Every structure is written in C-alpha cells, then in structure tokens.
Amino acid sequence: MDTSKREIAAVAARLVVEEGLEYGPAKRRALRELGLPTRTALPNNDEVEAEVRDYIAVFCADTQPQELHALRLLALEWMERMAVFRPHVGGAVWHGTATRLSDIYIQLFCDDSKSAEIALIDHHVDYEPRMVTGFHGEQVEALSVHAPSRALGEEIGVHLLVYDLDDLRGALKPDAQGRAPRGDLNALRRRIEQEKDQ
C-alpha cells in the first residue's frame, strides 16, 4: 500500500472507531481531512479494516472487547427473535472490530420479502424501512430499529437487511481474506463462547 493510501486508511480507521462512520464515508472524509484531491485512489476495505484493528489495539484495548461482547449479545438476541428468517450477522460485529458506536447488521433470507416486516409489526416493534446497498452492490430493503443494550446503557442501531432466500448461497462465499463474511446463529454463539475463553 502506498503512503497516501496508508494515510487515508489510518485516518479513516480513526473515524470508524471514534465516530462510528461506515468505511465508505470514512474514506471520503479522510480525503478531505488530508486535503487530497477527490480522485485520489482510496484504500480497499481490507486495508481500512487492518488499520481499524491496529487503532483498536493501541487506543481501545481496555474497552473494545467488552463493547464487542455486548454488541454480539444484542445481535444474538435479535437473531433469535428473527430466527425463522435464517439470520446472519456481518460487518464489524461479526469480524470483531465493533465498538459501542458500531451498528449491527443482520441479513435475513426470506421466502417472502414482506414477511420480516410483518413479523416486526406483529411484535409491535417500531422500525424505519429504507434502502441500503447490499453485499452484491444491489439495493436491498433494511428494516432499522433502535434496540436498547443494557450492557452498554444506550440504544444501538440494528439493521435487518431483507434478502431473497436464493441469495443465501452467495452470502456464504469466503471474502478476499478467506474468512466467512457473515455467520448464522450457531456461528455467532461459538464466537461468543470463544470470547469467554480469552
């Protein structure tokens, strides 16, 4: 990685950890903060994630593991609530880089795209529907809720991304680093158990 990409990734990592920005907006803001032209080549998400891990190790090692654990427990709670829709957690909560400022992203794989929304209505859950970019770059519906985390003492954004059942096959392909990009209920339970052993 060249020097400007490394600088952009480092500033973006700080924005991700300290302000809770997503990677895309963090990279664009890093460009502005560094005074670089908008056409400057940006680091890829793996490069930013490596810098996020480094930043957490240096500045947040005493708080981040507990925050990640609390977020994983909250994700587990929502995945159990929505278990009929084959939930998979992804993003920072799955990969282990989440802090209290991170939102939770859960992909639901539904036979009927409206069934998840109906389930929230049936359980009297306030949610906000919106369109977001999915894992293949396509627009997907997200049902966003503010869920209280007792462990963190604040509300956390939980985003339930609604996919067609057929999308599940492609969702489990390893990422560029050979890692599972998301995990189901059992996989998340295993990660939580591993945290207890550390």
N, C-alpha and C. Protein backbone atom coordinates (compact mmCIF):
# COMPACT_ATOMS: atom_id res chain seq x y z
N MET A 1 0.86 -1.17 0.00
CA MET A 1 0.00 0.00 0.00
C MET A 1 0.91 1.23 0.00
N ASP A 2 0.62 2.18 -0.93
CA ASP A 2 1.47 3.38 -0.99
C ASP A 2 1.15 4.32 0.18
N THR A 3 1.99 5.34 0.34
CA THR A 3 1.91 6.22 1.50
C THR A 3 0.56 6.92 1.61
N SER A 4 0.04 7.48 0.51
CA SER A 4 -1.23 8.21 0.61
C SER A 4 -2.37 7.26 0.96
N LYS A 5 -2.37 6.05 0.39
CA LYS A 5 -3.42 5.09 0.75
C LYS A 5 -3.31 4.70 2.22
N ARG A 6 -2.10 4.53 2.71
CA ARG A 6 -1.90 4.17 4.12
C ARG A 6 -2.39 5.31 5.03
N GLU A 7 -2.09 6.55 4.66
CA GLU A 7 -2.56 7.70 5.44
C GLU A 7 -4.09 7.78 5.44
N ILE A 8 -4.67 7.59 4.26
CA ILE A 8 -6.14 7.62 4.15
C ILE A 8 -6.74 6.53 5.02
N ALA A 9 -6.18 5.32 4.94
CA ALA A 9 -6.69 4.19 5.72
C ALA A 9 -6.58 4.47 7.22
N ALA A 10 -5.47 5.08 7.64
CA ALA A 10 -5.27 5.37 9.07
C ALA A 10 -6.27 6.42 9.57
N VAL A 11 -6.48 7.47 8.79
CA VAL A 11 -7.45 8.50 9.19
C VAL A 11 -8.87 7.91 9.15
N ALA A 12 -9.17 7.14 8.13
CA ALA A 12 -10.49 6.50 8.03
C ALA A 12 -10.72 5.59 9.23
N ALA A 13 -9.70 4.85 9.62
CA ALA A 13 -9.82 3.95 10.78
C ALA A 13 -10.18 4.73 12.04
N ARG A 14 -9.51 5.86 12.25
CA ARG A 14 -9.82 6.70 13.41
C ARG A 14 -11.28 7.14 13.37
N LEU A 15 -11.77 7.53 12.19
CA LEU A 15 -13.16 7.98 12.05
C LEU A 15 -14.15 6.84 12.29
N VAL A 16 -13.79 5.65 11.84
CA VAL A 16 -14.64 4.47 12.06
C VAL A 16 -14.76 4.19 13.56
N VAL A 17 -13.62 4.17 14.24
CA VAL A 17 -13.62 3.81 15.66
C VAL A 17 -14.15 4.94 16.54
N GLU A 18 -13.70 6.16 16.31
CA GLU A 18 -14.04 7.27 17.20
C GLU A 18 -15.40 7.91 16.92
N GLU A 19 -15.87 7.81 15.66
CA GLU A 19 -17.13 8.47 15.32
C GLU A 19 -18.20 7.50 14.80
N GLY A 20 -17.85 6.25 14.64
CA GLY A 20 -18.83 5.26 14.21
C GLY A 20 -19.19 5.34 12.74
N LEU A 21 -18.34 5.97 11.93
CA LEU A 21 -18.63 6.06 10.49
C LEU A 21 -18.46 4.70 9.83
N GLU A 22 -19.20 4.50 8.75
CA GLU A 22 -19.00 3.31 7.91
C GLU A 22 -17.75 3.55 7.07
N TYR A 23 -17.21 2.49 6.49
CA TYR A 23 -15.94 2.59 5.76
C TYR A 23 -15.99 3.58 4.59
N GLY A 24 -17.01 3.53 3.76
CA GLY A 24 -17.08 4.41 2.60
C GLY A 24 -17.05 5.88 2.98
N PRO A 25 -17.97 6.34 3.83
CA PRO A 25 -17.95 7.73 4.25
C PRO A 25 -16.65 8.11 4.98
N ALA A 26 -16.09 7.17 5.74
CA ALA A 26 -14.85 7.46 6.46
C ALA A 26 -13.70 7.69 5.50
N LYS A 27 -13.63 6.91 4.43
CA LYS A 27 -12.56 7.09 3.44
C LYS A 27 -12.71 8.44 2.73
N ARG A 28 -13.94 8.81 2.38
CA ARG A 28 -14.15 10.09 1.70
C ARG A 28 -13.84 11.27 2.61
N ARG A 29 -14.22 11.17 3.88
CA ARG A 29 -13.91 12.25 4.82
C ARG A 29 -12.41 12.32 5.09
N ALA A 30 -11.75 11.17 5.12
CA ALA A 30 -10.29 11.15 5.32
C ALA A 30 -9.60 11.92 4.20
N LEU A 31 -10.10 11.75 2.96
CA LEU A 31 -9.54 12.51 1.83
C LEU A 31 -9.61 14.01 2.11
N ARG A 32 -10.79 14.46 2.55
CA ARG A 32 -10.98 15.88 2.82
C ARG A 32 -10.06 16.34 3.96
N GLU A 33 -10.00 15.55 5.04
CA GLU A 33 -9.17 15.94 6.18
C GLU A 33 -7.69 16.03 5.80
N LEU A 34 -7.27 15.17 4.89
CA LEU A 34 -5.87 15.18 4.46
C LEU A 34 -5.61 16.17 3.33
N GLY A 35 -6.67 16.81 2.84
CA GLY A 35 -6.54 17.80 1.77
C GLY A 35 -6.14 17.18 0.44
N LEU A 36 -6.52 15.94 0.23
CA LEU A 36 -6.18 15.25 -1.02
C LEU A 36 -7.28 15.43 -2.05
N PRO A 37 -6.94 15.37 -3.33
CA PRO A 37 -7.96 15.50 -4.38
C PRO A 37 -8.99 14.37 -4.30
N THR A 38 -10.21 14.67 -4.70
CA THR A 38 -11.29 13.66 -4.63
C THR A 38 -11.03 12.45 -5.53
N ARG A 39 -10.16 12.59 -6.51
CA ARG A 39 -9.86 11.47 -7.41
C ARG A 39 -8.70 10.60 -6.91
N THR A 40 -8.20 10.90 -5.72
CA THR A 40 -7.11 10.11 -5.15
C THR A 40 -7.58 8.66 -4.95
N ALA A 41 -6.73 7.71 -5.30
CA ALA A 41 -7.07 6.29 -5.12
C ALA A 41 -7.27 6.00 -3.63
N LEU A 42 -8.36 5.32 -3.34
CA LEU A 42 -8.70 5.01 -1.95
C LEU A 42 -8.23 3.60 -1.59
N PRO A 43 -7.93 3.39 -0.32
CA PRO A 43 -7.61 2.03 0.12
C PRO A 43 -8.86 1.16 0.05
N ASN A 44 -8.68 -0.15 -0.08
CA ASN A 44 -9.86 -1.02 -0.07
C ASN A 44 -10.29 -1.27 1.37
N ASN A 45 -11.43 -1.90 1.55
CA ASN A 45 -11.98 -2.10 2.89
C ASN A 45 -11.09 -2.99 3.76
N ASP A 46 -10.40 -3.96 3.15
CA ASP A 46 -9.50 -4.82 3.93
C ASP A 46 -8.35 -4.00 4.51
N GLU A 47 -7.86 -3.03 3.73
CA GLU A 47 -6.77 -2.17 4.21
C GLU A 47 -7.25 -1.27 5.35
N VAL A 48 -8.47 -0.76 5.21
CA VAL A 48 -9.02 0.06 6.30
C VAL A 48 -9.26 -0.81 7.53
N GLU A 49 -9.78 -2.02 7.34
CA GLU A 49 -10.03 -2.90 8.48
C GLU A 49 -8.73 -3.21 9.23
N ALA A 50 -7.64 -3.41 8.51
CA ALA A 50 -6.34 -3.66 9.17
C ALA A 50 -5.95 -2.47 10.03
N GLU A 51 -6.17 -1.26 9.52
CA GLU A 51 -5.87 -0.06 10.30
C GLU A 51 -6.82 0.09 11.49
N VAL A 52 -8.09 -0.30 11.31
CA VAL A 52 -9.05 -0.27 12.43
C VAL A 52 -8.56 -1.20 13.54
N ARG A 53 -8.13 -2.39 13.18
CA ARG A 53 -7.63 -3.34 14.19
C ARG A 53 -6.42 -2.75 14.93
N ASP A 54 -5.51 -2.13 14.17
CA ASP A 54 -4.34 -1.50 14.79
C ASP A 54 -4.76 -0.37 15.73
N TYR A 55 -5.69 0.47 15.29
CA TYR A 55 -6.16 1.60 16.10
C TYR A 55 -6.79 1.09 17.40
N ILE A 56 -7.63 0.07 17.28
CA ILE A 56 -8.28 -0.51 18.47
C ILE A 56 -7.23 -1.07 19.42
N ALA A 57 -6.23 -1.76 18.89
CA ALA A 57 -5.20 -2.36 19.74
C ALA A 57 -4.43 -1.29 20.52
N VAL A 58 -4.22 -0.14 19.91
CA VAL A 58 -3.45 0.91 20.56
C VAL A 58 -4.31 1.77 21.50
N PHE A 59 -5.50 2.17 21.04
CA PHE A 59 -6.28 3.17 21.77
C PHE A 59 -7.50 2.64 22.51
N CYS A 60 -7.95 1.43 22.20
CA CYS A 60 -9.22 0.95 22.78
C CYS A 60 -9.13 -0.45 23.36
N ALA A 61 -7.92 -0.94 23.58
CA ALA A 61 -7.76 -2.33 24.02
C ALA A 61 -8.44 -2.62 25.36
N ASP A 62 -8.61 -1.59 26.19
CA ASP A 62 -9.21 -1.81 27.50
C ASP A 62 -10.74 -1.80 27.48
N THR A 63 -11.36 -1.22 26.45
CA THR A 63 -12.83 -1.12 26.41
C THR A 63 -13.47 -1.91 25.27
N GLN A 64 -12.80 -2.03 24.14
CA GLN A 64 -13.42 -2.61 22.96
C GLN A 64 -13.87 -4.07 23.13
N PRO A 65 -13.11 -4.93 23.79
CA PRO A 65 -13.59 -6.32 23.92
C PRO A 65 -14.94 -6.42 24.63
N GLN A 66 -15.16 -5.62 25.67
CA GLN A 66 -16.45 -5.64 26.38
C GLN A 66 -17.56 -5.06 25.50
N GLU A 67 -17.25 -4.01 24.76
CA GLU A 67 -18.24 -3.40 23.88
C GLU A 67 -18.62 -4.38 22.77
N LEU A 68 -17.63 -5.04 22.18
CA LEU A 68 -17.90 -6.04 21.15
C LEU A 68 -18.77 -7.16 21.71
N HIS A 69 -18.45 -7.63 22.90
CA HIS A 69 -19.24 -8.70 23.52
C HIS A 69 -20.69 -8.27 23.70
N ALA A 70 -20.90 -7.05 24.18
CA ALA A 70 -22.27 -6.54 24.37
C ALA A 70 -23.02 -6.46 23.04
N LEU A 71 -22.33 -6.00 22.00
CA LEU A 71 -22.97 -5.91 20.68
C LEU A 71 -23.29 -7.30 20.12
N ARG A 72 -22.40 -8.24 20.34
CA ARG A 72 -22.67 -9.61 19.86
C ARG A 72 -23.85 -10.22 20.60
N LEU A 73 -23.97 -9.94 21.89
CA LEU A 73 -25.13 -10.45 22.64
C LEU A 73 -26.43 -9.83 22.13
N LEU A 74 -26.39 -8.54 21.82
CA LEU A 74 -27.58 -7.88 21.28
C LEU A 74 -27.91 -8.43 19.89
N ALA A 75 -26.89 -8.66 19.08
CA ALA A 75 -27.11 -9.27 17.76
C ALA A 75 -27.73 -10.66 17.92
N LEU A 76 -27.22 -11.43 18.87
CA LEU A 76 -27.75 -12.77 19.12
C LEU A 76 -29.23 -12.70 19.52
N GLU A 77 -29.56 -11.75 20.37
CA GLU A 77 -30.95 -11.56 20.80
C GLU A 77 -31.87 -11.31 19.59
N TRP A 78 -31.43 -10.42 18.69
CA TRP A 78 -32.24 -10.11 17.52
C TRP A 78 -32.28 -11.27 16.53
N MET A 79 -31.18 -11.99 16.41
CA MET A 79 -31.17 -13.15 15.52
C MET A 79 -32.10 -14.23 16.03
N GLU A 80 -32.15 -14.41 17.34
CA GLU A 80 -33.08 -15.39 17.92
C GLU A 80 -34.52 -14.96 17.69
N ARG A 81 -34.79 -13.66 17.82
CA ARG A 81 -36.15 -13.14 17.58
C ARG A 81 -36.58 -13.38 16.13
N MET A 82 -35.63 -13.28 15.21
CA MET A 82 -35.92 -13.38 13.78
C MET A 82 -35.43 -14.70 13.19
N ALA A 83 -35.28 -15.72 14.02
CA ALA A 83 -34.66 -16.99 13.61
C ALA A 83 -35.34 -17.65 12.41
N VAL A 84 -36.63 -17.47 12.27
CA VAL A 84 -37.36 -18.08 11.16
C VAL A 84 -36.88 -17.57 9.80
N PHE A 85 -36.20 -16.43 9.78
CA PHE A 85 -35.74 -15.80 8.53
C PHE A 85 -34.26 -16.07 8.25
N ARG A 86 -33.70 -17.10 8.88
CA ARG A 86 -32.31 -17.52 8.63
C ARG A 86 -31.33 -16.35 8.78
N PRO A 87 -31.28 -15.71 9.93
CA PRO A 87 -30.44 -14.52 10.10
C PRO A 87 -28.94 -14.84 10.08
N HIS A 88 -28.18 -13.92 9.53
CA HIS A 88 -26.73 -13.97 9.52
C HIS A 88 -26.22 -12.58 9.90
N VAL A 89 -25.29 -12.53 10.83
CA VAL A 89 -24.69 -11.25 11.23
C VAL A 89 -23.42 -11.03 10.42
N GLY A 90 -23.19 -9.79 10.04
CA GLY A 90 -22.00 -9.46 9.27
C GLY A 90 -21.35 -8.21 9.83
N GLY A 91 -20.44 -7.65 9.06
CA GLY A 91 -19.81 -6.38 9.42
C GLY A 91 -18.90 -6.47 10.62
N ALA A 92 -18.74 -5.33 11.29
CA ALA A 92 -17.79 -5.19 12.39
C ALA A 92 -18.13 -6.09 13.57
N VAL A 93 -19.43 -6.32 13.81
CA VAL A 93 -19.83 -7.18 14.93
C VAL A 93 -19.36 -8.61 14.66
N TRP A 94 -19.47 -9.07 13.44
CA TRP A 94 -19.02 -10.41 13.08
C TRP A 94 -17.49 -10.49 13.05
N HIS A 95 -16.85 -9.49 12.44
CA HIS A 95 -15.39 -9.54 12.25
C HIS A 95 -14.59 -9.15 13.49
N GLY A 96 -15.27 -8.62 14.51
CA GLY A 96 -14.57 -8.35 15.76
C GLY A 96 -14.00 -6.95 15.90
N THR A 97 -14.39 -6.03 15.04
CA THR A 97 -13.86 -4.66 15.11
C THR A 97 -14.89 -3.66 15.62
N ALA A 98 -16.02 -4.12 16.10
CA ALA A 98 -17.09 -3.23 16.54
C ALA A 98 -16.76 -2.57 17.88
N THR A 99 -17.23 -1.33 18.01
CA THR A 99 -17.18 -0.60 19.28
C THR A 99 -18.61 -0.16 19.59
N ARG A 100 -18.79 0.50 20.71
CA ARG A 100 -20.13 0.95 21.11
C ARG A 100 -20.77 1.88 20.08
N LEU A 101 -19.99 2.46 19.19
CA LEU A 101 -20.53 3.34 18.16
C LEU A 101 -20.93 2.59 16.89
N SER A 102 -20.68 1.29 16.85
CA SER A 102 -20.99 0.49 15.66
C SER A 102 -22.46 0.07 15.67
N ASP A 103 -23.03 0.05 14.49
CA ASP A 103 -24.37 -0.52 14.34
C ASP A 103 -24.23 -2.02 14.07
N ILE A 104 -25.35 -2.72 14.22
CA ILE A 104 -25.40 -4.16 13.98
C ILE A 104 -26.12 -4.40 12.67
N TYR A 105 -25.52 -5.22 11.80
CA TYR A 105 -26.11 -5.55 10.50
C TYR A 105 -26.41 -7.03 10.45
N ILE A 106 -27.71 -7.33 10.31
CA ILE A 106 -28.16 -8.72 10.25
C ILE A 106 -28.89 -8.93 8.93
N GLN A 107 -28.42 -9.90 8.16
CA GLN A 107 -29.09 -10.22 6.90
C GLN A 107 -30.12 -11.31 7.16
N LEU A 108 -31.33 -11.08 6.65
CA LEU A 108 -32.42 -12.06 6.75
C LEU A 108 -32.67 -12.63 5.36
N PHE A 109 -32.88 -13.93 5.28
CA PHE A 109 -33.11 -14.59 3.99
C PHE A 109 -34.52 -15.18 4.02
N CYS A 110 -35.43 -14.49 3.31
CA CYS A 110 -36.86 -14.74 3.44
C CYS A 110 -37.47 -15.36 2.19
N ASP A 111 -38.46 -16.22 2.41
CA ASP A 111 -39.25 -16.75 1.30
C ASP A 111 -40.09 -15.63 0.69
N ASP A 112 -40.59 -14.74 1.54
CA ASP A 112 -41.43 -13.62 1.12
C ASP A 112 -40.81 -12.35 1.70
N SER A 113 -40.48 -11.39 0.86
CA SER A 113 -39.76 -10.21 1.31
C SER A 113 -40.52 -9.38 2.35
N LYS A 114 -41.83 -9.48 2.39
CA LYS A 114 -42.61 -8.70 3.35
C LYS A 114 -42.79 -9.42 4.69
N SER A 115 -42.43 -10.69 4.77
CA SER A 115 -42.68 -11.47 5.99
C SER A 115 -41.90 -10.94 7.19
N ALA A 116 -40.67 -10.46 6.99
CA ALA A 116 -39.90 -9.93 8.12
C ALA A 116 -40.55 -8.65 8.65
N GLU A 117 -41.01 -7.81 7.74
CA GLU A 117 -41.67 -6.57 8.14
C GLU A 117 -42.96 -6.89 8.91
N ILE A 118 -43.70 -7.87 8.44
CA ILE A 118 -44.93 -8.27 9.12
C ILE A 118 -44.63 -8.80 10.52
N ALA A 119 -43.53 -9.54 10.65
CA ALA A 119 -43.14 -10.06 11.97
C ALA A 119 -42.85 -8.92 12.94
N LEU A 120 -42.18 -7.87 12.48
CA LEU A 120 -41.91 -6.72 13.36
C LEU A 120 -43.20 -6.03 13.76
N ILE A 121 -44.11 -5.87 12.80
CA ILE A 121 -45.41 -5.24 13.10
C ILE A 121 -46.17 -6.08 14.12
N ASP A 122 -46.18 -7.40 13.91
CA ASP A 122 -46.89 -8.30 14.84
C ASP A 122 -46.34 -8.22 16.26
N HIS A 123 -45.04 -7.94 16.39
CA HIS A 123 -44.42 -7.84 17.71
C HIS A 123 -44.34 -6.40 18.21
N HIS A 124 -45.05 -5.48 17.52
CA HIS A 124 -45.13 -4.07 17.93
C HIS A 124 -43.75 -3.42 18.04
N VAL A 125 -42.88 -3.72 17.08
CA VAL A 125 -41.54 -3.14 17.05
C VAL A 125 -41.56 -1.93 16.13
N ASP A 126 -41.13 -0.78 16.64
CA ASP A 126 -41.00 0.41 15.81
C ASP A 126 -39.77 0.25 14.94
N TYR A 127 -39.93 0.47 13.66
CA TYR A 127 -38.81 0.33 12.73
C TYR A 127 -38.94 1.38 11.63
N GLU A 128 -37.83 1.58 10.94
CA GLU A 128 -37.81 2.52 9.83
C GLU A 128 -37.34 1.76 8.59
N PRO A 129 -38.20 1.65 7.57
CA PRO A 129 -37.75 0.98 6.35
C PRO A 129 -36.92 1.93 5.48
N ARG A 130 -35.89 1.41 4.87
CA ARG A 130 -35.07 2.21 3.96
C ARG A 130 -34.35 1.27 3.02
N MET A 131 -33.75 1.84 2.00
CA MET A 131 -32.99 1.05 1.04
C MET A 131 -31.50 1.28 1.32
N VAL A 132 -30.73 0.19 1.32
CA VAL A 132 -29.29 0.27 1.53
C VAL A 132 -28.59 -0.57 0.47
N THR A 133 -27.28 -0.42 0.36
CA THR A 133 -26.50 -1.22 -0.57
C THR A 133 -26.25 -2.58 0.05
N GLY A 134 -26.60 -3.63 -0.69
CA GLY A 134 -26.43 -5.00 -0.22
C GLY A 134 -25.04 -5.54 -0.47
N PHE A 135 -24.83 -6.81 -0.13
CA PHE A 135 -23.48 -7.36 -0.23
C PHE A 135 -23.02 -7.63 -1.65
N HIS A 136 -23.91 -7.53 -2.63
CA HIS A 136 -23.50 -7.64 -4.04
C HIS A 136 -23.56 -6.28 -4.74
N GLY A 137 -23.71 -5.19 -3.96
CA GLY A 137 -23.78 -3.85 -4.53
C GLY A 137 -25.18 -3.44 -4.97
N GLU A 138 -26.15 -4.33 -4.79
CA GLU A 138 -27.53 -4.03 -5.18
C GLU A 138 -28.27 -3.35 -4.04
N GLN A 139 -29.38 -2.71 -4.34
CA GLN A 139 -30.21 -2.08 -3.33
C GLN A 139 -31.10 -3.13 -2.67
N VAL A 140 -31.09 -3.17 -1.34
CA VAL A 140 -31.95 -4.08 -0.59
C VAL A 140 -32.68 -3.29 0.49
N GLU A 141 -33.82 -3.82 0.90
CA GLU A 141 -34.58 -3.16 1.95
C GLU A 141 -33.95 -3.46 3.30
N ALA A 142 -33.85 -2.44 4.14
CA ALA A 142 -33.37 -2.59 5.51
C ALA A 142 -34.48 -2.11 6.44
N LEU A 143 -34.72 -2.87 7.46
CA LEU A 143 -35.67 -2.50 8.50
C LEU A 143 -34.82 -2.12 9.71
N SER A 144 -34.74 -0.85 10.02
CA SER A 144 -33.83 -0.35 11.05
C SER A 144 -34.58 -0.08 12.34
N VAL A 145 -34.02 -0.57 13.45
CA VAL A 145 -34.61 -0.37 14.76
C VAL A 145 -33.55 0.19 15.71
N HIS A 146 -34.01 0.85 16.76
CA HIS A 146 -33.13 1.30 17.84
C HIS A 146 -33.37 0.33 19.00
N ALA A 147 -32.37 -0.49 19.28
CA ALA A 147 -32.51 -1.52 20.30
C ALA A 147 -31.70 -1.15 21.53
N PRO A 148 -32.32 -1.21 22.70
CA PRO A 148 -31.58 -0.89 23.92
C PRO A 148 -30.57 -1.99 24.25
N SER A 149 -29.37 -1.58 24.60
CA SER A 149 -28.35 -2.50 25.10
C SER A 149 -28.20 -2.22 26.59
N ARG A 150 -28.60 -3.17 27.40
CA ARG A 150 -28.47 -2.99 28.85
C ARG A 150 -26.99 -2.90 29.24
N ALA A 151 -26.17 -3.72 28.61
CA ALA A 151 -24.74 -3.75 28.95
C ALA A 151 -24.05 -2.42 28.63
N LEU A 152 -24.45 -1.77 27.55
CA LEU A 152 -23.82 -0.50 27.16
C LEU A 152 -24.58 0.71 27.69
N GLY A 153 -25.82 0.50 28.13
CA GLY A 153 -26.61 1.60 28.66
C GLY A 153 -27.04 2.61 27.61
N GLU A 154 -27.23 2.16 26.39
CA GLU A 154 -27.67 3.05 25.32
C GLU A 154 -28.34 2.25 24.22
N GLU A 155 -28.95 2.98 23.28
CA GLU A 155 -29.60 2.34 22.15
C GLU A 155 -28.59 2.13 21.03
N ILE A 156 -28.73 1.01 20.35
CA ILE A 156 -27.85 0.64 19.25
C ILE A 156 -28.70 0.47 18.00
N GLY A 157 -28.19 0.93 16.87
CA GLY A 157 -28.89 0.71 15.61
C GLY A 157 -28.75 -0.73 15.17
N VAL A 158 -29.88 -1.39 14.95
CA VAL A 158 -29.89 -2.76 14.42
C VAL A 158 -30.58 -2.69 13.07
N HIS A 159 -29.87 -3.12 12.04
CA HIS A 159 -30.38 -3.05 10.68
C HIS A 159 -30.61 -4.46 10.16
N LEU A 160 -31.87 -4.76 9.87
CA LEU A 160 -32.25 -6.07 9.35
C LEU A 160 -32.38 -5.94 7.84
N LEU A 161 -31.42 -6.49 7.12
CA LEU A 161 -31.40 -6.39 5.66
C LEU A 161 -32.14 -7.58 5.07
N VAL A 162 -33.15 -7.30 4.26
CA VAL A 162 -34.05 -8.34 3.76
C VAL A 162 -33.60 -8.82 2.38
N TYR A 163 -33.22 -10.09 2.31
CA TYR A 163 -32.80 -10.73 1.07
C TYR A 163 -33.76 -11.84 0.71
N ASP A 164 -33.71 -12.22 -0.55
CA ASP A 164 -34.46 -13.38 -1.01
C ASP A 164 -33.73 -14.64 -0.54
N LEU A 165 -34.46 -15.69 -0.29
CA LEU A 165 -33.87 -16.95 0.18
C LEU A 165 -32.77 -17.44 -0.76
N ASP A 166 -32.94 -17.23 -2.06
CA ASP A 166 -31.94 -17.68 -3.04
C ASP A 166 -30.58 -17.00 -2.86
N ASP A 167 -30.56 -15.82 -2.23
CA ASP A 167 -29.30 -15.09 -2.03
C ASP A 167 -28.41 -15.72 -0.97
N LEU A 168 -28.95 -16.66 -0.19
CA LEU A 168 -28.19 -17.25 0.91
C LEU A 168 -26.94 -17.97 0.42
N ARG A 169 -27.04 -18.67 -0.71
CA ARG A 169 -25.87 -19.39 -1.23
C ARG A 169 -24.68 -18.46 -1.44
N GLY A 170 -24.89 -17.36 -2.14
CA GLY A 170 -23.80 -16.42 -2.42
C GLY A 170 -23.32 -15.68 -1.19
N ALA A 171 -24.14 -15.61 -0.16
CA ALA A 171 -23.80 -14.86 1.04
C ALA A 171 -22.71 -15.54 1.86
N LEU A 172 -22.48 -16.82 1.62
CA LEU A 172 -21.56 -17.56 2.47
C LEU A 172 -20.20 -17.80 1.83
N LYS A 173 -19.99 -17.24 0.63
CA LYS A 173 -18.69 -17.38 -0.02
C LYS A 173 -17.63 -16.63 0.77
N PRO A 174 -16.44 -17.23 0.95
CA PRO A 174 -15.38 -16.54 1.70
C PRO A 174 -15.00 -15.21 1.06
N ASP A 175 -14.57 -14.27 1.90
CA ASP A 175 -14.14 -12.96 1.40
C ASP A 175 -12.71 -13.05 0.86
N ALA A 176 -12.15 -11.91 0.51
CA ALA A 176 -10.81 -11.86 -0.09
C ALA A 176 -9.74 -12.44 0.84
N GLN A 177 -9.99 -12.41 2.13
CA GLN A 177 -9.02 -12.94 3.09
C GLN A 177 -9.31 -14.40 3.46
N GLY A 178 -10.31 -15.00 2.78
CA GLY A 178 -10.66 -16.39 3.04
C GLY A 178 -11.53 -16.59 4.27
N ARG A 179 -12.06 -15.50 4.83
CA ARG A 179 -12.91 -15.58 6.02
C ARG A 179 -14.37 -15.69 5.63
N ALA A 180 -15.16 -16.26 6.52
CA ALA A 180 -16.61 -16.23 6.33
C ALA A 180 -17.06 -14.78 6.50
N PRO A 181 -17.76 -14.20 5.53
CA PRO A 181 -18.15 -12.79 5.62
C PRO A 181 -19.28 -12.53 6.61
N ARG A 182 -19.94 -13.57 7.05
CA ARG A 182 -21.05 -13.44 7.99
C ARG A 182 -21.27 -14.79 8.65
N GLY A 183 -22.02 -14.79 9.74
CA GLY A 183 -22.26 -16.04 10.45
C GLY A 183 -23.71 -16.16 10.89
N ASP A 184 -24.17 -17.41 10.97
CA ASP A 184 -25.55 -17.67 11.42
C ASP A 184 -25.57 -17.71 12.95
N LEU A 185 -26.72 -18.06 13.49
CA LEU A 185 -26.89 -18.09 14.95
C LEU A 185 -25.85 -18.94 15.64
N ASN A 186 -25.64 -20.16 15.16
CA ASN A 186 -24.69 -21.07 15.80
C ASN A 186 -23.26 -20.54 15.71
N ALA A 187 -22.91 -19.97 14.57
CA ALA A 187 -21.56 -19.43 14.41
C ALA A 187 -21.34 -18.26 15.37
N LEU A 188 -22.35 -17.40 15.54
CA LEU A 188 -22.21 -16.28 16.48
C LEU A 188 -22.11 -16.79 17.90
N ARG A 189 -22.91 -17.80 18.24
CA ARG A 189 -22.82 -18.38 19.59
C ARG A 189 -21.41 -18.91 19.86
N ARG A 190 -20.80 -19.55 18.85
CA ARG A 190 -19.43 -20.07 19.02
C ARG A 190 -18.44 -18.92 19.26
N ARG A 191 -18.60 -17.81 18.53
CA ARG A 191 -17.69 -16.67 18.73
C ARG A 191 -17.85 -16.09 20.14
N ILE A 192 -19.08 -16.03 20.61
CA ILE A 192 -19.32 -15.52 21.96
C ILE A 192 -18.69 -16.45 22.99
N GLU A 193 -18.80 -17.75 22.79
CA GLU A 193 -18.18 -18.72 23.70
C GLU A 193 -16.66 -18.58 23.68
N GLN A 194 -16.07 -18.36 22.50
CA GLN A 194 -14.63 -18.18 22.38
C GLN A 194 -14.18 -16.95 23.15
N GLU A 195 -15.00 -15.90 23.14
CA GLU A 195 -14.66 -14.68 23.89
C GLU A 195 -14.53 -14.98 25.38
N LYS A 196 -15.40 -15.85 25.88
CA LYS A 196 -15.36 -16.19 27.31
C LYS A 196 -14.06 -16.90 27.68
N ASP A 197 -13.52 -17.66 26.73
CA ASP A 197 -12.29 -18.42 26.98
C ASP A 197 -11.03 -17.55 26.93
N GLN A 198 -11.16 -16.32 26.44
CA GLN A 198 -9.98 -15.46 26.30
C GLN A 198 -9.74 -14.60 27.51
